[in-house]
Each structure stands twice: as C-alpha cells, then as structure tokens.
Amino acid sequence: MTSDELASRIDHTLLAPAASAADVDRLCDEATELGVAAVCVSPTRVAQVARRSAGRRWVPCSVVGFPSGAHRPSVKQAEAHEAVLAGAAELDMVVNLGAVADGAWEVTAEEVTLVRRAIPEGVLKVILETAALSPRQLETAARVALDAGADYLKTSTGFHPAGGATVEAVARLAELADGRASVKASGGIRDTATALAMVAAGADRLGTSSTAAILTPLR
C-alpha cells in the first residue's frame, strides 16, 4: 500500500480537550499536506475546520457524546444537529455503554436513530468501544447500530481504560458488518505496521493523531 492510498483511509484527529485554535489550524495544514480523508475534532472546533476545508480533498468530522457516551439520546441528537449546521460532513458518535451493559438495546437503537436523522446525507460512524464489551454485547450492539443506520462500525474512542483498537476487534467488526457498513479502527494506532495490520484485518478507515509518523515510512 502506498502512502497516498493509506492516507486516503485516515481521519486526522485532534480531540485533546485543551486543543487551541492554532492547534486546529496546524491539524488542517497537515491534513492538506498528507492527503487524508477527514479531519476529526471536537464539536466546538467544527466551524473552524469547515472553513479550512474549502477546496480541500478532506472533509470535516465531529464527535458526538464523546468520550463517555453517557448522554441522553436527545442530547446526542442536538449535538449532532449543531455539528452538522457548523459544517460537519461526518459524525463519530459514542454509544451509551451503561445502556449496553444493562442490555437496554432500545436506548442504543434510539440514540443511533436520532443521530442518523441529524445527518441524513453525511457519514455516521458508531463507536462501540469494543475493548469494553463482551462478545455477545459486541454482536448485539453492532446489529442494533447497523439496523439504526450506521455507515461505519468503529472500535474505540481512544479514551477508555479498556484499550483501543485491536486486529481481532477490527476483524470481528468486519464480519459483523458483512457488507452493510464499513469499519473504522481507532485508539492506539501510532505506527505504520499497526495501521497496515488494521487495514489488512478489514478497516476501511483509521482514526489517528499520528498520521505523519504512520505515512512517512511509506514515502
């Protein structure tokens, strides 16, 4: 895989709570130089990224219910709506892990459905936090997310103590998606070998803040 091919699968990401406007500008400059798919930032920085995306190959992406997922469905819908109004073309939403633990699948279905309505023409990625789920929970959460309109099943926020993406989790998501959706790996992807392993396992998109370090060896 060439550097350009891998770059086209990357969401260049900055979700540090203290990220400044200058940090986000640098992120956008890097995204343009590296040729990534999207720039993913916190909701308060979406408008800035949307302005910088004019005429670029990459698109603005925002997170919803990040990083805990412990928000009411209506709050996630409102946050998603505001992000889309600010210019987000893609949304990465976190499911309510407490609801997953309770087996309250109606909550998962409701929240994904409501966020899907907020971005009817854009891309919706649903973060399942795979490292924190049992195999049965993962299977059910993935099915519910797919039925509610997810375009991507995503492994992780990168903030959960259980860990980030693994090759095994990516392969399982690809199996569960079964052509109905794509797969995004995120959390702990910091070098070329890891990135390529995730792609080989079935990841269509990668979320990382280490884009330059990943791509440089392929150039």
C-alpha atoms as a PDB file:
ATOM      1  CA  MET A   1       0.000   0.000   0.000  1.00  0.00           C
ATOM      2  CA  THR A   2       1.340   3.430  -0.949  1.00  0.00           C
ATOM      3  CA  SER A   3       1.436   6.457   1.310  1.00  0.00           C
ATOM      4  CA  ASP A   4      -1.341   8.116  -0.687  1.00  0.00           C
ATOM      5  CA  GLU A   5      -3.536   5.021  -0.542  1.00  0.00           C
ATOM      6  CA  LEU A   6      -3.171   4.739   3.207  1.00  0.00           C
ATOM      7  CA  ALA A   7      -3.662   8.487   3.709  1.00  0.00           C
ATOM      8  CA  SER A   8      -6.996   8.276   1.894  1.00  0.00           C
ATOM      9  CA  ARG A   9      -8.216   5.985   4.699  1.00  0.00           C
ATOM     10  CA  ILE A  10      -7.166   8.226   7.602  1.00  0.00           C
ATOM     11  CA  ASP A  11      -9.205  10.570   9.766  1.00  0.00           C
ATOM     12  CA  HIS A  12      -6.545  13.014  11.007  1.00  0.00           C
ATOM     13  CA  THR A  13      -7.661  13.559  14.586  1.00  0.00           C
ATOM     14  CA  LEU A  14      -7.275  16.065  17.407  1.00  0.00           C
ATOM     15  CA  LEU A  15      -9.612  15.522  20.362  1.00  0.00           C
ATOM     16  CA  ALA A  16      -7.471  16.829  23.197  1.00  0.00           C
ATOM     17  CA  PRO A  17      -9.753  18.908  25.461  1.00  0.00           C
ATOM     18  CA  ALA A  18      -7.268  21.800  25.581  1.00  0.00           C
ATOM     19  CA  ALA A  19      -6.605  21.962  21.831  1.00  0.00           C
ATOM     20  CA  SER A  20      -6.343  25.603  20.747  1.00  0.00           C
ATOM     21  CA  ALA A  21      -7.412  27.311  17.536  1.00  0.00           C
ATOM     22  CA  ALA A  22      -3.754  27.366  16.495  1.00  0.00           C
ATOM     23  CA  ASP A  23      -3.517  23.620  17.122  1.00  0.00           C
ATOM     24  CA  VAL A  24      -6.536  23.028  14.917  1.00  0.00           C
ATOM     25  CA  ASP A  25      -5.111  25.222  12.155  1.00  0.00           C
ATOM     26  CA  ARG A  26      -1.932  23.132  12.226  1.00  0.00           C
ATOM     27  CA  LEU A  27      -4.037  19.986  12.044  1.00  0.00           C
ATOM     28  CA  CYS A  28      -5.786  21.291   8.923  1.00  0.00           C
ATOM     29  CA  ASP A  29      -2.475  22.237   7.304  1.00  0.00           C
ATOM     30  CA  GLU A  30      -1.140  18.746   7.993  1.00  0.00           C
ATOM     31  CA  ALA A  31      -4.303  17.175   6.596  1.00  0.00           C
ATOM     32  CA  THR A  32      -3.900  19.060   3.334  1.00  0.00           C
ATOM     33  CA  GLU A  33      -0.223  18.159   3.071  1.00  0.00           C
ATOM     34  CA  LEU A  34      -0.774  14.494   3.890  1.00  0.00           C
ATOM     35  CA  GLY A  35      -3.886  13.923   1.769  1.00  0.00           C
ATOM     36  CA  VAL A  36      -6.162  12.392   4.401  1.00  0.00           C
ATOM     37  CA  ALA A  37      -9.866  11.583   4.177  1.00  0.00           C
ATOM     38  CA  ALA A  38     -11.153  13.704   7.050  1.00  0.00           C
ATOM     39  CA  VAL A  39     -10.207  15.993   9.912  1.00  0.00           C
ATOM     40  CA  CYS A  40     -11.865  14.950  13.175  1.00  0.00           C
ATOM     41  CA  VAL A  41     -12.205  17.455  16.019  1.00  0.00           C
ATOM     42  CA  SER A  42     -14.384  18.279  18.997  1.00  0.00           C
ATOM     43  CA  PRO A  43     -17.748  19.973  18.315  1.00  0.00           C
ATOM     44  CA  THR A  44     -16.535  23.430  19.337  1.00  0.00           C
ATOM     45  CA  ARG A  45     -13.870  23.346  16.599  1.00  0.00           C
ATOM     46  CA  VAL A  46     -16.035  22.089  13.724  1.00  0.00           C
ATOM     47  CA  ALA A  47     -16.821  25.520  12.251  1.00  0.00           C
ATOM     48  CA  GLN A  48     -13.120  26.385  12.123  1.00  0.00           C
ATOM     49  CA  VAL A  49     -12.325  23.103  10.364  1.00  0.00           C
ATOM     50  CA  ALA A  50     -15.252  23.556   7.970  1.00  0.00           C
ATOM     51  CA  ARG A  51     -13.895  26.947   6.906  1.00  0.00           C
ATOM     52  CA  ARG A  52     -10.459  25.455   6.334  1.00  0.00           C
ATOM     53  CA  SER A  53     -11.880  22.542   4.310  1.00  0.00           C
ATOM     54  CA  ALA A  54     -12.989  24.720   1.378  1.00  0.00           C
ATOM     55  CA  GLY A  55     -11.352  23.428  -1.791  1.00  0.00           C
ATOM     56  CA  ARG A  56      -9.652  20.546   0.043  1.00  0.00           C
ATOM     57  CA  ARG A  57      -9.911  16.817  -0.524  1.00  0.00           C
ATOM     58  CA  TRP A  58     -10.636  16.122   3.129  1.00  0.00           C
ATOM     59  CA  VAL A  59     -13.938  16.737   4.922  1.00  0.00           C
ATOM     60  CA  PRO A  60     -14.800  17.972   8.443  1.00  0.00           C
ATOM     61  CA  CYS A  61     -15.726  15.369  11.047  1.00  0.00           C
ATOM     62  CA  SER A  62     -17.032  15.832  14.586  1.00  0.00           C
ATOM     63  CA  VAL A  63     -17.615  13.569  17.563  1.00  0.00           C
ATOM     64  CA  VAL A  64     -20.918  13.161  19.410  1.00  0.00           C
ATOM     65  CA  GLY A  65     -21.384  12.069  23.015  1.00  0.00           C
ATOM     66  CA  PHE A  66     -17.621  11.913  23.314  1.00  0.00           C
ATOM     67  CA  PRO A  67     -15.872  10.270  25.013  1.00  0.00           C
ATOM     68  CA  SER A  68     -18.167   8.638  27.600  1.00  0.00           C
ATOM     69  CA  GLY A  69     -21.340   8.138  25.573  1.00  0.00           C
ATOM     70  CA  ALA A  70     -23.293   8.716  28.789  1.00  0.00           C
ATOM     71  CA  HIS A  71     -25.639  11.321  27.347  1.00  0.00           C
ATOM     72  CA  ARG A  72     -29.371  11.185  26.728  1.00  0.00           C
ATOM     73  CA  PRO A  73     -30.345  10.370  23.127  1.00  0.00           C
ATOM     74  CA  SER A  74     -31.950  13.800  22.729  1.00  0.00           C
ATOM     75  CA  VAL A  75     -28.718  15.486  23.824  1.00  0.00           C
ATOM     76  CA  LYS A  76     -26.726  13.479  21.290  1.00  0.00           C
ATOM     77  CA  GLN A  77     -29.228  14.418  18.588  1.00  0.00           C
ATOM     78  CA  ALA A  78     -28.925  18.109  19.460  1.00  0.00           C
ATOM     79  CA  GLU A  79     -25.143  17.940  19.500  1.00  0.00           C
ATOM     80  CA  ALA A  80     -25.151  16.161  16.153  1.00  0.00           C
ATOM     81  CA  HIS A  81     -27.532  18.733  14.679  1.00  0.00           C
ATOM     82  CA  GLU A  82     -25.322  21.610  15.832  1.00  0.00           C
ATOM     83  CA  ALA A  83     -22.232  19.916  14.390  1.00  0.00           C
ATOM     84  CA  VAL A  84     -23.894  19.443  11.012  1.00  0.00           C
ATOM     85  CA  LEU A  85     -25.037  23.074  10.987  1.00  0.00           C
ATOM     86  CA  ALA A  86     -21.424  24.056  11.716  1.00  0.00           C
ATOM     87  CA  GLY A  87     -20.244  22.103   8.688  1.00  0.00           C
ATOM     88  CA  ALA A  88     -19.559  18.530   9.762  1.00  0.00           C
ATOM     89  CA  ALA A  89     -19.870  16.054   6.898  1.00  0.00           C
ATOM     90  CA  GLU A  90     -19.153  13.068   9.122  1.00  0.00           C
ATOM     91  CA  LEU A  91     -20.050  12.237  12.732  1.00  0.00           C
ATOM     92  CA  ASP A  92     -18.441   9.736  15.100  1.00  0.00           C
ATOM     93  CA  MET A  93     -20.902   9.021  17.924  1.00  0.00           C
ATOM     94  CA  VAL A  94     -20.282   7.030  21.110  1.00  0.00           C
ATOM     95  CA  VAL A  95     -22.965   4.612  22.243  1.00  0.00           C
ATOM     96  CA  ASN A  96     -24.202   4.655  25.831  1.00  0.00           C
ATOM     97  CA  LEU A  97     -22.039   1.933  27.367  1.00  0.00           C
ATOM     98  CA  GLY A  98     -24.172   1.827  30.510  1.00  0.00           C
ATOM     99  CA  ALA A  99     -27.204   1.002  28.393  1.00  0.00           C
ATOM    100  CA  VAL A 100     -25.178  -1.698  26.626  1.00  0.00           C
ATOM    101  CA  ALA A 101     -24.177  -3.152  29.995  1.00  0.00           C
ATOM    102  CA  ASP A 102     -27.844  -3.148  31.062  1.00  0.00           C
ATOM    103  CA  GLY A 103     -28.985  -4.774  27.829  1.00  0.00           C
ATOM    104  CA  ALA A 104     -31.178  -1.717  27.221  1.00  0.00           C
ATOM    105  CA  TRP A 105     -30.928  -2.065  23.464  1.00  0.00           C
ATOM    106  CA  GLU A 106     -33.882   0.237  22.909  1.00  0.00           C
ATOM    107  CA  VAL A 107     -31.644   3.078  24.145  1.00  0.00           C
ATOM    108  CA  THR A 108     -28.906   2.179  21.673  1.00  0.00           C
ATOM    109  CA  ALA A 109     -31.435   1.976  18.850  1.00  0.00           C
ATOM    110  CA  GLU A 110     -32.988   5.316  19.790  1.00  0.00           C
ATOM    111  CA  GLU A 111     -29.732   7.240  20.066  1.00  0.00           C
ATOM    112  CA  VAL A 112     -28.291   5.955  16.794  1.00  0.00           C
ATOM    113  CA  THR A 113     -31.591   6.587  15.013  1.00  0.00           C
ATOM    114  CA  LEU A 114     -31.774  10.164  16.310  1.00  0.00           C
ATOM    115  CA  VAL A 115     -28.190  10.993  15.346  1.00  0.00           C
ATOM    116  CA  ARG A 116     -28.768   9.387  11.944  1.00  0.00           C
ATOM    117  CA  ARG A 117     -31.655  11.791  11.429  1.00  0.00           C
ATOM    118  CA  ALA A 118     -29.357  14.704  12.227  1.00  0.00           C
ATOM    119  CA  ILE A 119     -27.003  13.767   9.382  1.00  0.00           C
ATOM    120  CA  PRO A 120     -29.199  12.191   6.694  1.00  0.00           C
ATOM    121  CA  GLU A 121     -26.808  12.905   3.825  1.00  0.00           C
ATOM    122  CA  GLY A 122     -23.492  12.517   5.653  1.00  0.00           C
ATOM    123  CA  VAL A 123     -21.489   9.683   7.152  1.00  0.00           C
ATOM    124  CA  LEU A 124     -22.325   8.246  10.575  1.00  0.00           C
ATOM    125  CA  LYS A 125     -19.727   6.194  12.441  1.00  0.00           C
ATOM    126  CA  VAL A 126     -20.866   4.454  15.624  1.00  0.00           C
ATOM    127  CA  ILE A 127     -18.212   3.907  18.305  1.00  0.00           C
ATOM    128  CA  LEU A 128     -18.858   0.669  20.175  1.00  0.00           C
ATOM    129  CA  GLU A 129     -15.800   0.692  22.485  1.00  0.00           C
ATOM    130  CA  THR A 130     -15.005  -2.895  21.535  1.00  0.00           C
ATOM    131  CA  ALA A 131     -12.393  -3.497  24.248  1.00  0.00           C
ATOM    132  CA  ALA A 132     -15.012  -2.873  26.939  1.00  0.00           C
ATOM    133  CA  LEU A 133     -17.657  -5.260  25.577  1.00  0.00           C
ATOM    134  CA  SER A 134     -18.210  -8.989  25.854  1.00  0.00           C
ATOM    135  CA  PRO A 135     -18.512 -10.912  22.577  1.00  0.00           C
ATOM    136  CA  ARG A 136     -22.278 -11.098  22.991  1.00  0.00           C
ATOM    137  CA  GLN A 137     -22.592  -7.390  23.795  1.00  0.00           C
ATOM    138  CA  LEU A 138     -20.463  -6.514  20.777  1.00  0.00           C
ATOM    139  CA  GLU A 139     -22.530  -8.652  18.445  1.00  0.00           C
ATOM    140  CA  THR A 140     -25.810  -7.164  19.635  1.00  0.00           C
ATOM    141  CA  ALA A 141     -24.546  -3.574  19.719  1.00  0.00           C
ATOM    142  CA  ALA A 142     -23.242  -3.906  16.184  1.00  0.00           C
ATOM    143  CA  ARG A 143     -26.523  -5.345  14.941  1.00  0.00           C
ATOM    144  CA  VAL A 144     -28.554  -2.597  16.589  1.00  0.00           C
ATOM    145  CA  ALA A 145     -26.260   0.111  15.197  1.00  0.00           C
ATOM    146  CA  LEU A 146     -26.484  -1.341  11.702  1.00  0.00           C
ATOM    147  CA  ASP A 147     -30.275  -1.588  11.852  1.00  0.00           C
ATOM    148  CA  ALA A 148     -30.436   2.054  13.012  1.00  0.00           C
ATOM    149  CA  GLY A 149     -28.424   3.302  10.036  1.00  0.00           C
ATOM    150  CA  ALA A 150     -24.709   3.257  10.899  1.00  0.00           C
ATOM    151  CA  ASP A 151     -22.395   3.727   7.920  1.00  0.00           C
ATOM    152  CA  TYR A 152     -19.386   2.575   9.930  1.00  0.00           C
ATOM    153  CA  LEU A 153     -18.819   0.413  12.972  1.00  0.00           C
ATOM    154  CA  LYS A 154     -15.935   1.958  14.906  1.00  0.00           C
ATOM    155  CA  THR A 155     -13.797   0.265  17.526  1.00  0.00           C
ATOM    156  CA  SER A 156     -12.905   2.871  20.113  1.00  0.00           C
ATOM    157  CA  THR A 157     -12.685   6.417  21.381  1.00  0.00           C
ATOM    158  CA  GLY A 158      -9.054   6.006  22.399  1.00  0.00           C
ATOM    159  CA  PHE A 159     -10.017   7.363  25.836  1.00  0.00           C
ATOM    160  CA  HIS A 160     -11.433   4.230  27.501  1.00  0.00           C
ATOM    161  CA  PRO A 161      -9.193   2.455  30.031  1.00  0.00           C
ATOM    162  CA  ALA A 162     -10.080  -0.912  28.485  1.00  0.00           C
ATOM    163  CA  GLY A 163      -7.953  -0.002  25.461  1.00  0.00           C
ATOM    164  CA  GLY A 164      -8.220   0.867  21.797  1.00  0.00           C
ATOM    165  CA  ALA A 165      -8.373  -0.974  18.505  1.00  0.00           C
ATOM    166  CA  THR A 166      -7.031  -4.482  18.035  1.00  0.00           C
ATOM    167  CA  VAL A 167      -6.664  -6.559  14.909  1.00  0.00           C
ATOM    168  CA  GLU A 168      -9.080  -9.089  16.373  1.00  0.00           C
ATOM    169  CA  ALA A 169     -11.729  -6.450  17.084  1.00  0.00           C
ATOM    170  CA  VAL A 170     -11.431  -4.998  13.587  1.00  0.00           C
ATOM    171  CA  ALA A 171     -11.795  -8.425  12.014  1.00  0.00           C
ATOM    172  CA  ARG A 172     -14.855  -9.131  14.146  1.00  0.00           C
ATOM    173  CA  LEU A 173     -16.476  -5.812  13.219  1.00  0.00           C
ATOM    174  CA  ALA A 174     -15.848  -6.527   9.545  1.00  0.00           C
ATOM    175  CA  GLU A 175     -17.502  -9.901   9.999  1.00  0.00           C
ATOM    176  CA  LEU A 176     -20.473  -8.382  11.793  1.00  0.00           C
ATOM    177  CA  ALA A 177     -20.838  -5.568   9.246  1.00  0.00           C
ATOM    178  CA  ASP A 178     -20.937  -8.168   6.475  1.00  0.00           C
ATOM    179  CA  GLY A 179     -21.005  -5.565   3.710  1.00  0.00           C
ATOM    180  CA  ARG A 180     -23.784  -3.499   5.297  1.00  0.00           C
ATOM    181  CA  ALA A 181     -21.328  -0.933   6.662  1.00  0.00           C
ATOM    182  CA  SER A 182     -17.652  -0.103   6.731  1.00  0.00           C
ATOM    183  CA  VAL A 183     -15.241  -0.404   9.672  1.00  0.00           C
ATOM    184  CA  LYS A 184     -13.145   2.253  11.388  1.00  0.00           C
ATOM    185  CA  ALA A 185     -10.260   1.409  13.711  1.00  0.00           C
ATOM    186  CA  SER A 186      -9.181   3.980  16.268  1.00  0.00           C
ATOM    187  CA  GLY A 187      -7.240   4.100  19.507  1.00  0.00           C
ATOM    188  CA  GLY A 188      -3.545   3.286  19.757  1.00  0.00           C
ATOM    189  CA  ILE A 189      -2.715   3.411  16.041  1.00  0.00           C
ATOM    190  CA  ARG A 190       0.636   5.198  16.076  1.00  0.00           C
ATOM    191  CA  ASP A 191       2.923   3.452  13.570  1.00  0.00           C
ATOM    192  CA  THR A 192       2.924   2.093  10.037  1.00  0.00           C
ATOM    193  CA  ALA A 193       2.890  -1.573  10.971  1.00  0.00           C
ATOM    194  CA  THR A 194      -0.148  -1.183  13.207  1.00  0.00           C
ATOM    195  CA  ALA A 195      -2.006   0.867  10.604  1.00  0.00           C
ATOM    196  CA  LEU A 196      -1.369  -1.677   7.863  1.00  0.00           C
ATOM    197  CA  ALA A 197      -2.375  -4.536  10.159  1.00  0.00           C
ATOM    198  CA  MET A 198      -5.696  -2.820  10.860  1.00  0.00           C
ATOM    199  CA  VAL A 199      -6.334  -2.356   7.146  1.00  0.00           C
ATOM    200  CA  ALA A 200      -5.453  -5.988   6.457  1.00  0.00           C
ATOM    201  CA  ALA A 201      -7.909  -7.046   9.175  1.00  0.00           C
ATOM    202  CA  GLY A 202     -10.734  -5.136   7.469  1.00  0.00           C
ATOM    203  CA  ALA A 203     -10.519  -1.478   8.495  1.00  0.00           C
ATOM    204  CA  ASP A 204     -11.745   0.910   5.804  1.00  0.00           C
ATOM    205  CA  ARG A 205     -10.867   3.990   7.837  1.00  0.00           C
ATOM    206  CA  LEU A 206      -8.321   4.715  10.587  1.00  0.00           C
ATOM    207  CA  GLY A 207      -8.554   7.369  13.276  1.00  0.00           C
ATOM    208  CA  THR A 208      -5.206   8.651  14.491  1.00  0.00           C
ATOM    209  CA  SER A 209      -3.297  11.708  15.607  1.00  0.00           C
ATOM    210  CA  SER A 210      -0.028  10.106  14.440  1.00  0.00           C
ATOM    211  CA  THR A 211      -0.688  10.430  10.725  1.00  0.00           C
ATOM    212  CA  ALA A 212       2.702  11.814   9.716  1.00  0.00           C
ATOM    213  CA  ALA A 213       4.573   9.137  11.660  1.00  0.00           C
ATOM    214  CA  ILE A 214       2.453   6.442  10.021  1.00  0.00           C
ATOM    215  CA  LEU A 215       2.837   7.717   6.458  1.00  0.00           C
ATOM    216  CA  THR A 216       6.482   8.849   6.406  1.00  0.00           C
ATOM    217  CA  PRO A 217       7.999   5.328   6.125  1.00  0.00           C
ATOM    218  CA  LEU A 218       5.855   4.665   3.044  1.00  0.00           C
ATOM    219  CA  ARG A 219       7.074   7.770   1.210  1.00  0.00           C
END
